[in-house]
Amino acid sequence: MRKTFALAVTAVALAGCGMLPGQQGGGGEERQSQAAAEGQPASTSASTAPTGQAPVQSAPPQDTEVIASREVKVGAGDMYGKARVDITALKRQGRTLSLNWTVTATEGKVNLHNGMGAGPLDFTVSAVSLIDPVNAKRYRVARNGTGQGAECVCSGTQGQFLEPEEASTLYAVFAAPPADVTKINIEMPMFGVFTDVPIS
């Protein structure tokens, strides 16, 4: 009886965390499962944060090589300016794909605070997505669960209002496309679409 009860409690706990096979993931490809949880960097782990405080998110170490770049005029709220976006990594790691990039303000003010999230109160880069034009699929940022409270496995941007020459290094984790996909398009709010970015 105790074993049955323990197994039932474990199954409920795993289901709540989105860890059972075949469950709909909270992000990534529309059929994503537990790949999102596996790709979360160690720096976002709740076990590293002091009790009672939210974990601090930071981008994984950056490569120095820029694999795609563009400079665009941006505007959000009452802030307008120009920014350069340098994509520094798009790396396949098992069933996940990690995207790293840097945004540098070149003129005026750049509002990253809520400019790359899925809504006005989303202070993350959760609206960034990958588009596989060959297989006609969109990959959304991975989530750490399946419920409404599930957070993206990505950088937070709260309070980021960049002045000229200030930069912000950001990251997002996605479910990986099929192994034969070697290039993908990256869609970023405010900055447009980067086409044919190579996956390493």
Protein backbone atom coordinates (compact mmCIF):
# COMPACT_ATOMS: atom_id res chain seq x y z
CA MET A 1 0.00 0.00 0.00
CA ARG A 2 2.79 2.42 0.91
CA LYS A 3 4.65 1.66 -2.32
CA THR A 4 1.52 2.33 -4.37
CA PHE A 5 0.95 5.61 -2.56
CA ALA A 6 4.62 6.66 -3.03
CA LEU A 7 4.45 5.84 -6.75
CA ALA A 8 1.23 7.83 -7.12
CA VAL A 9 2.77 10.86 -5.35
CA THR A 10 5.89 10.63 -7.54
CA ALA A 11 3.79 10.43 -10.72
CA VAL A 12 1.75 13.50 -9.69
CA ALA A 13 4.94 15.43 -8.86
CA LEU A 14 6.56 14.55 -12.19
CA ALA A 15 3.40 15.41 -14.10
CA GLY A 16 3.29 18.81 -12.40
CA CYS A 17 6.89 19.46 -13.44
CA GLY A 18 6.24 18.39 -17.02
CA MET A 19 8.71 15.52 -16.76
CA LEU A 20 6.57 12.60 -17.94
CA PRO A 21 7.23 11.40 -21.50
CA GLY A 22 4.84 12.60 -24.19
CA GLN A 23 3.59 15.65 -22.30
CA GLN A 24 3.16 18.97 -24.07
CA GLY A 25 6.03 21.29 -23.20
CA GLY A 26 5.54 24.88 -22.20
CA GLY A 27 7.61 26.23 -25.09
CA GLY A 28 9.82 25.33 -27.99
CA GLU A 29 8.34 23.36 -30.86
CA GLU A 30 4.64 22.89 -30.46
CA ARG A 31 5.19 19.20 -29.50
CA GLN A 32 8.15 19.77 -27.19
CA SER A 33 8.47 17.60 -24.09
CA GLN A 34 11.14 17.65 -21.39
CA ALA A 35 13.90 19.07 -23.64
CA ALA A 36 13.25 22.53 -22.20
CA ALA A 37 14.14 21.51 -18.67
CA GLU A 38 17.33 19.77 -19.79
CA GLY A 39 18.71 22.88 -21.52
CA GLN A 40 18.39 25.29 -18.61
CA PRO A 41 21.79 26.72 -17.65
CA ALA A 42 23.03 25.99 -14.13
CA SER A 43 23.15 29.72 -13.31
CA THR A 44 19.33 29.87 -13.29
CA SER A 45 18.94 27.02 -10.83
CA ALA A 46 16.84 27.86 -7.80
CA SER A 47 19.28 25.91 -5.63
CA THR A 48 21.95 28.58 -6.21
CA ALA A 49 19.72 31.46 -5.11
CA PRO A 50 19.49 32.43 -1.44
CA THR A 51 16.24 31.32 0.20
CA GLY A 52 13.40 33.76 -0.43
CA GLN A 53 15.03 35.40 -3.45
CA ALA A 54 14.34 34.82 -7.13
CA PRO A 55 17.21 33.19 -9.04
CA VAL A 56 19.39 35.54 -11.05
CA GLN A 57 19.49 34.72 -14.74
CA SER A 58 22.58 35.37 -16.80
CA ALA A 59 23.68 34.31 -20.23
CA PRO A 60 25.99 31.34 -20.72
CA PRO A 61 29.61 32.18 -21.64
CA GLN A 62 29.77 33.89 -25.00
CA ASP A 63 31.78 32.99 -28.05
CA THR A 64 33.70 35.94 -29.46
CA GLU A 65 32.90 35.19 -33.11
CA VAL A 66 29.89 37.02 -34.52
CA ILE A 67 27.93 34.71 -36.84
CA ALA A 68 25.22 37.24 -37.81
CA SER A 69 24.80 40.96 -37.21
CA ARG A 70 22.58 43.89 -38.08
CA GLU A 71 21.97 47.47 -37.00
CA VAL A 72 18.39 48.74 -36.86
CA LYS A 73 16.33 51.71 -35.69
CA VAL A 74 14.25 50.76 -32.67
CA GLY A 75 11.50 52.39 -30.68
CA ALA A 76 9.42 51.36 -27.70
CA GLY A 77 7.48 53.60 -25.33
CA ASP A 78 9.07 57.03 -25.46
CA MET A 79 12.56 55.69 -26.29
CA TYR A 80 13.96 55.72 -29.80
CA GLY A 81 17.42 54.99 -31.11
CA LYS A 82 19.61 52.55 -33.01
CA ALA A 83 20.96 49.23 -31.86
CA ARG A 84 23.36 46.62 -33.21
CA VAL A 85 22.54 42.96 -32.63
CA ASP A 86 25.41 40.47 -32.81
CA ILE A 87 24.49 36.78 -32.74
CA THR A 88 27.45 35.01 -31.19
CA ALA A 89 26.26 31.41 -30.88
CA LEU A 90 23.55 29.08 -32.10
CA LYS A 91 24.65 25.75 -30.70
CA ARG A 92 22.96 22.36 -30.74
CA GLN A 93 23.33 20.52 -27.42
CA GLY A 94 21.54 17.17 -27.49
CA ARG A 95 17.82 17.87 -27.90
CA THR A 96 18.18 21.61 -27.28
CA LEU A 97 19.52 24.61 -29.17
CA SER A 98 21.10 27.56 -27.32
CA LEU A 99 21.06 31.03 -28.85
CA ASN A 100 23.38 33.77 -27.52
CA TRP A 101 23.43 37.37 -28.70
CA THR A 102 24.46 40.87 -27.67
CA VAL A 103 22.47 44.07 -28.15
CA THR A 104 24.51 47.29 -28.19
CA ALA A 105 22.90 50.73 -28.26
CA THR A 106 24.59 52.88 -30.91
CA GLU A 107 22.30 55.97 -30.79
CA GLY A 108 19.58 57.26 -28.51
CA LYS A 109 18.00 54.92 -25.98
CA VAL A 110 17.10 51.26 -26.51
CA ASN A 111 14.30 49.72 -24.43
CA LEU A 112 15.01 46.04 -23.80
CA HIS A 113 12.98 46.23 -20.58
CA ASN A 114 9.79 44.89 -22.18
CA GLY A 115 10.67 45.12 -25.87
CA MET A 116 11.41 41.43 -26.50
CA GLY A 117 8.80 39.71 -24.34
CA ALA A 118 5.44 38.24 -25.30
CA GLY A 119 3.49 41.09 -23.67
CA PRO A 120 3.88 44.48 -21.97
CA LEU A 121 4.58 42.89 -18.57
CA ASP A 122 6.90 40.17 -19.89
CA PHE A 123 10.41 41.30 -18.98
CA THR A 124 12.21 38.50 -20.83
CA VAL A 125 13.23 37.60 -24.38
CA SER A 126 10.45 34.99 -24.62
CA ALA A 127 9.07 36.35 -27.92
CA VAL A 128 12.26 35.43 -29.80
CA SER A 129 11.67 32.40 -32.03
CA LEU A 130 13.44 30.18 -34.52
CA ILE A 131 11.90 29.47 -37.91
CA ASP A 132 12.79 26.38 -39.92
CA PRO A 133 11.68 27.33 -43.46
CA VAL A 134 12.47 23.90 -44.93
CA ASN A 135 10.17 22.00 -42.54
CA ALA A 136 7.77 24.96 -42.01
CA LYS A 137 8.12 24.93 -38.21
CA ARG A 138 8.44 27.66 -35.61
CA TYR A 139 10.32 26.95 -32.39
CA ARG A 140 9.43 29.08 -29.37
CA VAL A 141 11.60 29.64 -26.31
CA ALA A 142 11.56 26.65 -23.95
CA ARG A 143 9.67 26.82 -20.65
CA ASN A 144 10.54 25.24 -17.31
CA GLY A 145 7.08 23.71 -16.93
CA THR A 146 3.65 23.51 -18.51
CA GLY A 147 1.41 25.70 -16.35
CA GLN A 148 0.69 29.42 -16.52
CA GLY A 149 3.52 30.08 -14.06
CA ALA A 150 6.12 28.36 -16.26
CA GLU A 151 9.03 30.69 -16.97
CA CYS A 152 11.04 30.87 -20.15
CA VAL A 153 14.51 29.36 -20.23
CA CYS A 154 15.94 32.69 -21.32
CA SER A 155 17.34 36.03 -20.19
CA GLY A 156 15.37 38.50 -18.13
CA THR A 157 15.39 42.11 -19.32
CA GLN A 158 13.71 44.02 -16.50
CA GLY A 159 15.26 47.46 -16.05
CA GLN A 160 17.38 47.30 -19.21
CA PHE A 161 17.25 50.71 -20.89
CA LEU A 162 20.49 50.97 -22.87
CA GLU A 163 22.30 54.25 -23.45
CA PRO A 164 24.75 54.63 -26.38
CA GLU A 165 27.63 52.10 -26.21
CA GLU A 166 25.94 50.12 -23.43
CA ALA A 167 25.41 46.44 -24.22
CA SER A 168 23.36 43.55 -22.92
CA THR A 169 24.28 39.89 -23.46
CA LEU A 170 21.22 37.64 -23.76
CA TYR A 171 20.34 33.97 -24.28
CA ALA A 172 17.39 31.70 -25.02
CA VAL A 173 17.04 27.90 -25.19
CA PHE A 174 14.85 26.09 -27.72
CA ALA A 175 13.98 22.53 -28.68
CA ALA A 176 16.45 21.50 -31.38
CA PRO A 177 15.26 21.08 -34.96
CA PRO A 178 16.03 17.82 -36.81
CA ALA A 179 19.73 17.00 -37.19
CA ASP A 180 19.65 17.64 -40.96
CA VAL A 181 18.73 21.31 -40.35
CA THR A 182 22.04 23.19 -40.42
CA LYS A 183 20.73 26.76 -40.86
CA ILE A 184 17.69 28.46 -39.36
CA ASN A 185 16.02 31.88 -39.30
CA ILE A 186 15.87 33.84 -36.04
CA GLU A 187 12.96 36.22 -35.46
CA MET A 188 13.48 38.92 -32.81
CA PRO A 189 10.96 41.55 -31.80
CA MET A 190 12.28 45.06 -32.56
CA PHE A 191 15.16 43.67 -34.65
CA GLY A 192 13.50 41.62 -37.40
CA VAL A 193 14.49 38.30 -38.93
CA PHE A 194 18.05 37.02 -39.33
CA THR A 195 18.05 34.50 -42.19
CA ASP A 196 20.15 31.37 -42.69
CA VAL A 197 22.03 31.55 -39.38
CA PRO A 198 24.34 28.50 -39.14
CA ILE A 199 23.83 26.00 -36.33
CA SER A 200 27.03 24.64 -34.76
